[in-house]
Amino acid sequence: MKIITFLVMLLISVISFAQNESTSFEEPEAIGGNYIDTGDATMSHDLIDNVGEPFVNFTATGEELGFSAFYVPYDNPGIGLTDGDSVGVTSIAPGSDHPFPDGLQGYKISDVDGNFILKFDEFELTGIGAEIFINYFIADTGFEGDGTENASGSDRVRIYLKNLTDNTEQDILNSTGKNINDLGLQGTWQDGNVSLSDIGSFYQLVIEVRCNASTEAFFFDNIQFVGILGLGNNPQETFSIYPNPASNGYVNITSFFSGVKTVSVYGILGKKVMTATISSSILNISELKSGVYILKIIQNEISSTKKLVIK
């Protein structure tokens, strides 16, 4: 599993946001059908990718974050995933009215008959701070118990950030002690996030799910790691945005180069809200509401990320 480093520096001048790593589960192929675990359902073990079945693991080879899946049985083991279940990378969203927030694919976990643990690539925080964003969807029927027992009928979901340096954990979502049906989070995509600031620490994002029926389903998408990056004194800084804050329905994006710019606009919680291709310096933002946004700008294979405030 690769190690990701946040090169997060505070310089004297302008501060902007930098998106360092992310995944919307777009790089692995989305293969239909069920995943069948060939391991021993009575023992904890790594899950492996099987030919012709959905990918449960992914080794980062390009833009997207890598991840690995693990299985842990109940205290009194059940059949686990050996009977074939709907888990892994998928192109089938929770519903036609609930598409994946970013791209055409996401990750699904359901009917585990045990515990399904998904771990993402480790990273090191080397600067002043960062935030982790994730979108998750909880199906709206079938959950049982309060998640306090490692047993069938005690469903549980937990999303958290683990500090591997001091072994502490920060929850994004933790249903332990409650029936998932009572959380009021079902039936729509939810935004989750957590901040971190321990310079020099290694971190890892972890998802844990325990459930025992196909209707008990969880979907995940649009995971982003965003840091604070000071670029004002950086001679390699390419793009400038003005006015910022903006209030006239447009901004100018200038650079040292000529050519078309591709601009993706994200809300502060990481959801893409707009994409535009511009040949001049003017970006029309009249459809965006007041708030804080993150702009990812690409021109001539050079990429930069900026913060934009709209009044």
Protein backbone atom coordinates (compact mmCIF):
# COMPACT_ATOMS: atom_id res chain seq x y z
CA MET A 1 0.00 0.00 0.00
CA LYS A 2 1.53 3.31 -1.00
CA ILE A 3 2.24 6.12 1.45
CA ILE A 4 0.77 9.51 0.61
CA THR A 5 2.42 12.67 1.86
CA PHE A 6 0.60 15.94 2.40
CA LEU A 7 3.01 18.64 1.28
CA VAL A 8 1.18 21.30 3.21
CA MET A 9 3.13 24.53 3.81
CA LEU A 10 2.07 27.86 5.22
CA LEU A 11 3.74 30.76 3.44
CA ILE A 12 3.40 34.44 4.26
CA SER A 13 1.06 35.40 1.45
CA VAL A 14 -2.22 34.11 -0.02
CA ILE A 15 -3.61 30.83 1.35
CA SER A 16 -5.53 28.46 -0.90
CA PHE A 17 -6.85 24.91 -0.71
CA ALA A 18 -5.05 21.98 -2.33
CA GLN A 19 -6.71 18.66 -3.05
CA ASN A 20 -3.96 16.10 -2.57
CA GLU A 21 -5.61 12.70 -2.98
CA SER A 22 -9.08 11.43 -3.75
CA THR A 23 -11.12 8.54 -5.09
CA SER A 24 -14.56 8.26 -6.61
CA PHE A 25 -13.88 4.60 -7.44
CA GLU A 26 -13.69 5.41 -11.16
CA GLU A 27 -10.40 3.71 -12.09
CA PRO A 28 -11.24 0.07 -11.21
CA GLU A 29 -13.61 -1.56 -13.68
CA ALA A 30 -17.15 -1.99 -12.34
CA ILE A 31 -17.97 -5.67 -12.87
CA GLY A 32 -21.55 -6.85 -12.37
CA GLY A 33 -22.68 -9.78 -10.25
CA ASN A 34 -21.78 -10.90 -6.74
CA TYR A 35 -18.43 -11.28 -5.03
CA ILE A 36 -17.70 -14.75 -3.61
CA ASP A 37 -15.14 -15.02 -0.83
CA THR A 38 -12.93 -18.09 -1.26
CA GLY A 39 -11.46 -17.75 2.24
CA ASP A 40 -12.48 -19.41 5.51
CA ALA A 41 -15.61 -17.65 6.84
CA THR A 42 -14.72 -18.69 10.39
CA MET A 43 -11.40 -16.80 10.34
CA SER A 44 -10.34 -13.18 9.87
CA HIS A 45 -8.58 -12.71 6.54
CA ASP A 46 -7.74 -10.38 3.67
CA LEU A 47 -10.25 -10.42 0.83
CA ILE A 48 -8.77 -11.04 -2.62
CA ASP A 49 -10.01 -9.95 -6.04
CA ASN A 50 -11.49 -12.82 -8.05
CA VAL A 51 -11.53 -13.00 -11.85
CA GLY A 52 -14.87 -11.90 -13.28
CA GLU A 53 -16.17 -10.57 -9.95
CA PRO A 54 -16.43 -7.03 -8.53
CA PHE A 55 -13.17 -5.51 -7.33
CA VAL A 56 -12.94 -5.18 -3.56
CA ASN A 57 -9.31 -3.96 -3.61
CA PHE A 58 -7.43 -1.43 -5.71
CA THR A 59 -3.75 -0.56 -5.93
CA ALA A 60 -3.28 3.11 -6.79
CA THR A 61 -1.71 3.48 -10.21
CA GLY A 62 -2.84 6.93 -11.28
CA GLU A 63 -5.02 9.67 -9.84
CA GLU A 64 -7.08 7.62 -7.42
CA LEU A 65 -6.45 6.49 -3.86
CA GLY A 66 -5.90 2.78 -3.27
CA PHE A 67 -7.86 0.58 -0.83
CA SER A 68 -7.88 -2.92 0.65
CA ALA A 69 -10.74 -5.06 2.02
CA PHE A 70 -10.75 -7.39 5.02
CA TYR A 71 -13.26 -9.80 6.56
CA VAL A 72 -13.75 -10.45 10.30
CA PRO A 73 -16.32 -13.10 11.39
CA TYR A 74 -18.94 -12.81 14.13
CA ASP A 75 -17.94 -14.14 17.54
CA ASN A 76 -20.05 -17.13 16.49
CA PRO A 77 -19.08 -17.21 12.80
CA GLY A 78 -21.67 -17.23 10.02
CA ILE A 79 -21.26 -17.84 6.30
CA GLY A 80 -19.68 -14.46 5.63
CA LEU A 81 -19.29 -13.63 1.95
CA THR A 82 -18.85 -17.25 0.84
CA ASP A 83 -22.43 -17.39 -0.49
CA GLY A 84 -21.89 -14.52 -2.93
CA ASP A 85 -22.85 -10.95 -2.01
CA SER A 86 -23.09 -7.47 -3.50
CA VAL A 87 -19.88 -5.78 -2.36
CA GLY A 88 -17.07 -3.88 -4.06
CA VAL A 89 -16.78 -1.34 -6.85
CA THR A 90 -20.10 -0.90 -8.65
CA SER A 91 -21.77 1.23 -11.31
CA ILE A 92 -25.23 0.56 -9.84
CA ALA A 93 -26.18 3.54 -7.68
CA PRO A 94 -28.66 3.35 -4.78
CA GLY A 95 -31.42 4.41 -7.21
CA SER A 96 -32.15 6.39 -10.36
CA ASP A 97 -32.99 9.38 -8.17
CA HIS A 98 -29.82 8.91 -6.09
CA PRO A 99 -26.89 8.75 -8.56
CA PHE A 100 -23.32 8.68 -7.34
CA PRO A 101 -22.26 12.22 -6.30
CA ASP A 102 -19.07 12.15 -8.40
CA GLY A 103 -18.64 10.04 -11.53
CA LEU A 104 -20.49 6.88 -12.49
CA GLN A 105 -19.15 4.45 -9.90
CA GLY A 106 -18.94 3.96 -6.16
CA TYR A 107 -18.33 1.26 -3.56
CA LYS A 108 -21.07 -0.94 -2.08
CA ILE A 109 -21.12 -3.10 1.06
CA SER A 110 -24.14 -5.27 1.92
CA ASP A 111 -25.16 -8.67 3.36
CA VAL A 112 -21.72 -9.31 4.86
CA ASP A 113 -22.80 -11.89 7.49
CA GLY A 114 -19.82 -10.72 9.48
CA ASN A 115 -17.67 -7.57 9.40
CA PHE A 116 -16.38 -5.90 6.24
CA ILE A 117 -13.43 -3.53 6.76
CA LEU A 118 -12.20 -1.22 4.00
CA LYS A 119 -8.87 0.56 4.56
CA PHE A 120 -7.48 3.31 2.34
CA ASP A 121 -3.87 4.22 1.62
CA GLU A 122 -1.94 5.66 4.52
CA PHE A 123 -0.73 9.26 4.38
CA GLU A 124 1.52 11.55 6.36
CA LEU A 125 0.56 15.08 7.39
CA THR A 126 3.63 17.27 6.98
CA GLY A 127 2.06 20.70 7.37
CA ILE A 128 -0.50 22.78 9.21
CA GLY A 129 -3.74 20.89 8.61
CA ALA A 130 -6.10 18.99 6.34
CA GLU A 131 -9.66 17.69 6.06
CA ILE A 132 -11.10 14.41 4.86
CA PHE A 133 -14.45 14.41 3.02
CA ILE A 134 -16.66 11.43 2.10
CA ASN A 135 -20.17 10.90 0.71
CA TYR A 136 -22.11 7.90 2.04
CA PHE A 137 -25.59 6.47 1.45
CA ILE A 138 -27.46 4.18 3.86
CA ALA A 139 -30.31 2.07 2.48
CA ASP A 140 -33.64 2.75 4.13
CA THR A 141 -34.81 -0.66 5.36
CA GLY A 142 -33.89 -3.74 7.35
CA PHE A 143 -31.38 -2.76 10.04
CA GLU A 144 -31.41 -4.61 13.36
CA GLY A 145 -29.92 -4.20 16.83
CA ASP A 146 -27.65 -1.52 18.22
CA GLY A 147 -24.27 -2.71 16.96
CA THR A 148 -22.81 -3.39 20.40
CA GLU A 149 -22.39 -7.15 19.85
CA ASN A 150 -20.27 -8.83 17.21
CA ALA A 151 -23.21 -10.96 16.17
CA SER A 152 -25.88 -11.39 13.53
CA GLY A 153 -28.75 -8.97 14.10
CA SER A 154 -26.46 -6.32 15.60
CA ASP A 155 -25.86 -4.12 12.55
CA ARG A 156 -23.21 -1.40 12.66
CA VAL A 157 -21.46 1.13 10.42
CA ARG A 158 -18.43 3.17 11.32
CA ILE A 159 -16.31 5.58 9.23
CA TYR A 160 -13.26 6.98 10.98
CA LEU A 161 -9.78 8.38 10.60
CA LYS A 162 -7.06 6.51 12.48
CA ASN A 163 -3.87 8.22 13.63
CA LEU A 164 -1.36 5.42 13.12
CA THR A 165 1.31 7.33 15.02
CA ASP A 166 -0.44 7.58 18.39
CA ASN A 167 -3.21 4.99 17.74
CA THR A 168 -6.08 7.46 18.30
CA GLU A 169 -9.26 7.59 16.19
CA GLN A 170 -11.65 10.32 15.01
CA ASP A 171 -15.18 9.30 14.00
CA ILE A 172 -16.94 10.61 10.90
CA LEU A 173 -19.89 8.27 11.52
CA ASN A 174 -20.37 5.68 14.27
CA SER A 175 -23.71 3.95 14.80
CA THR A 176 -22.53 1.82 17.75
CA GLY A 177 -25.13 1.96 20.52
CA LYS A 178 -28.00 2.90 18.20
CA ASN A 179 -30.22 1.18 15.68
CA ILE A 180 -29.15 2.47 12.26
CA ASN A 181 -32.82 3.03 11.40
CA ASP A 182 -32.95 5.67 14.15
CA LEU A 183 -30.06 7.80 12.88
CA GLY A 184 -32.23 9.72 10.41
CA LEU A 185 -29.55 9.41 7.70
CA GLN A 186 -31.17 6.91 5.36
CA GLY A 187 -32.41 7.33 1.82
CA THR A 188 -30.19 10.24 0.70
CA TRP A 189 -26.51 10.92 0.14
CA GLN A 190 -24.84 12.30 3.26
CA ASP A 191 -21.69 14.42 3.62
CA GLY A 192 -19.11 13.45 6.23
CA ASN A 193 -15.83 15.08 7.14
CA VAL A 194 -13.13 15.25 9.80
CA SER A 195 -10.20 17.63 10.38
CA LEU A 196 -6.66 16.71 11.36
CA SER A 197 -3.69 18.77 12.43
CA ASP A 198 -1.00 16.58 14.04
CA ILE A 199 2.04 17.39 11.94
CA GLY A 200 4.27 14.39 11.31
CA SER A 201 1.56 11.83 12.05
CA PHE A 202 0.52 9.02 9.72
CA TYR A 203 -3.23 8.57 9.14
CA GLN A 204 -5.59 6.08 7.52
CA LEU A 205 -9.27 6.31 6.57
CA VAL A 206 -11.24 3.19 7.58
CA ILE A 207 -14.82 2.02 6.87
CA GLU A 208 -16.34 -0.81 8.93
CA VAL A 209 -19.72 -2.43 8.19
CA ARG A 210 -21.56 -5.26 9.94
CA CYS A 211 -24.88 -6.44 8.46
CA ASN A 212 -26.66 -9.66 7.51
CA ALA A 213 -29.19 -8.95 4.74
CA SER A 214 -29.10 -7.71 1.15
CA THR A 215 -31.48 -4.84 1.98
CA GLU A 216 -28.96 -3.61 4.54
CA ALA A 217 -26.75 -1.77 2.08
CA PHE A 218 -24.18 1.02 2.26
CA PHE A 219 -22.69 3.02 -0.62
CA PHE A 220 -19.58 5.24 -0.58
CA ASP A 221 -18.24 7.79 -3.05
CA ASN A 222 -16.25 10.98 -3.57
CA ILE A 223 -13.54 10.64 -0.92
CA GLN A 224 -11.25 13.67 -0.86
CA PHE A 225 -8.22 14.67 1.17
CA VAL A 226 -7.93 18.48 1.20
CA GLY A 227 -5.09 20.47 2.82
CA ILE A 228 -4.29 24.14 3.32
CA LEU A 229 -1.48 25.22 1.03
CA GLY A 230 0.13 28.66 0.95
CA LEU A 231 1.18 29.53 -2.58
CA GLY A 232 1.64 33.30 -2.55
CA ASN A 233 5.45 33.24 -2.66
CA ASN A 234 5.80 30.18 -4.85
CA PRO A 235 7.50 31.03 -8.18
CA GLN A 236 5.85 27.98 -9.71
CA GLU A 237 2.37 29.35 -9.03
CA THR A 238 0.59 29.37 -12.38
CA PHE A 239 -2.99 30.54 -11.90
CA SER A 240 -4.53 33.67 -10.36
CA ILE A 241 -8.22 34.32 -9.61
CA TYR A 242 -9.87 37.72 -9.23
CA PRO A 243 -12.03 39.20 -7.90
CA ASN A 244 -11.99 36.91 -4.87
CA PRO A 245 -14.36 37.23 -3.05
CA ALA A 246 -16.59 37.50 -6.12
CA SER A 247 -20.05 39.03 -6.31
CA ASN A 248 -20.65 39.94 -9.98
CA GLY A 249 -21.39 36.49 -11.41
CA TYR A 250 -17.94 35.90 -12.87
CA VAL A 251 -14.25 35.58 -12.02
CA ASN A 252 -11.11 35.96 -14.09
CA ILE A 253 -8.68 33.05 -14.14
CA THR A 254 -5.31 34.09 -15.54
CA SER A 255 -2.15 32.07 -16.08
CA PHE A 256 1.33 32.29 -17.57
CA PHE A 257 0.25 30.17 -20.55
CA SER A 258 -2.23 30.31 -23.41
CA GLY A 259 -4.75 27.62 -24.23
CA VAL A 260 -8.02 26.17 -22.99
CA LYS A 261 -8.57 25.77 -19.24
CA THR A 262 -10.77 23.08 -17.71
CA VAL A 263 -12.28 24.17 -14.41
CA SER A 264 -14.06 21.87 -11.93
CA VAL A 265 -15.87 23.53 -9.03
CA TYR A 266 -16.44 21.70 -5.73
CA GLY A 267 -18.48 22.67 -2.68
CA ILE A 268 -16.61 22.86 0.60
CA LEU A 269 -17.83 19.33 1.44
CA GLY A 270 -16.23 17.98 -1.70
CA LYS A 271 -19.23 17.58 -4.05
CA LYS A 272 -18.63 18.66 -7.64
CA VAL A 273 -21.17 21.34 -8.55
CA MET A 274 -19.92 22.62 -11.89
CA THR A 275 -17.49 21.92 -14.74
CA ALA A 276 -16.55 24.37 -17.46
CA THR A 277 -14.06 24.71 -20.30
CA ILE A 278 -12.95 28.25 -21.04
CA SER A 279 -10.70 29.63 -23.78
CA SER A 280 -10.53 33.13 -22.28
CA SER A 281 -9.93 34.18 -18.67
CA ILE A 282 -13.61 34.61 -17.73
CA LEU A 283 -15.50 31.92 -15.79
CA ASN A 284 -19.26 32.39 -15.44
CA ILE A 285 -20.29 31.58 -11.85
CA SER A 286 -23.73 33.21 -11.91
CA GLU A 287 -25.45 29.88 -11.15
CA LEU A 288 -23.47 29.34 -7.94
CA LYS A 289 -24.87 30.38 -4.56
CA SER A 290 -22.98 32.38 -1.96
CA GLY A 291 -20.39 30.30 -0.14
CA VAL A 292 -16.90 28.84 -0.27
CA TYR A 293 -15.83 26.70 -3.24
CA ILE A 294 -12.73 24.84 -4.39
CA LEU A 295 -11.69 25.24 -8.04
CA LYS A 296 -9.51 22.63 -9.73
CA ILE A 297 -7.93 24.21 -12.81
CA ILE A 298 -6.13 22.25 -15.55
CA GLN A 299 -4.29 23.82 -18.47
CA ASN A 300 -1.58 22.26 -20.65
CA GLU A 301 -1.38 19.30 -18.22
CA ILE A 302 -0.65 21.70 -15.35
CA SER A 303 -3.08 21.38 -12.45
CA SER A 304 -3.75 23.70 -9.52
CA THR A 305 -6.46 24.03 -6.90
CA LYS A 306 -7.80 27.34 -5.58
CA LYS A 307 -10.29 28.55 -3.02
CA LEU A 308 -13.04 30.86 -4.22
CA VAL A 309 -15.45 32.83 -2.03
CA ILE A 310 -18.75 34.03 -3.53
CA LYS A 311 -20.68 36.73 -1.69
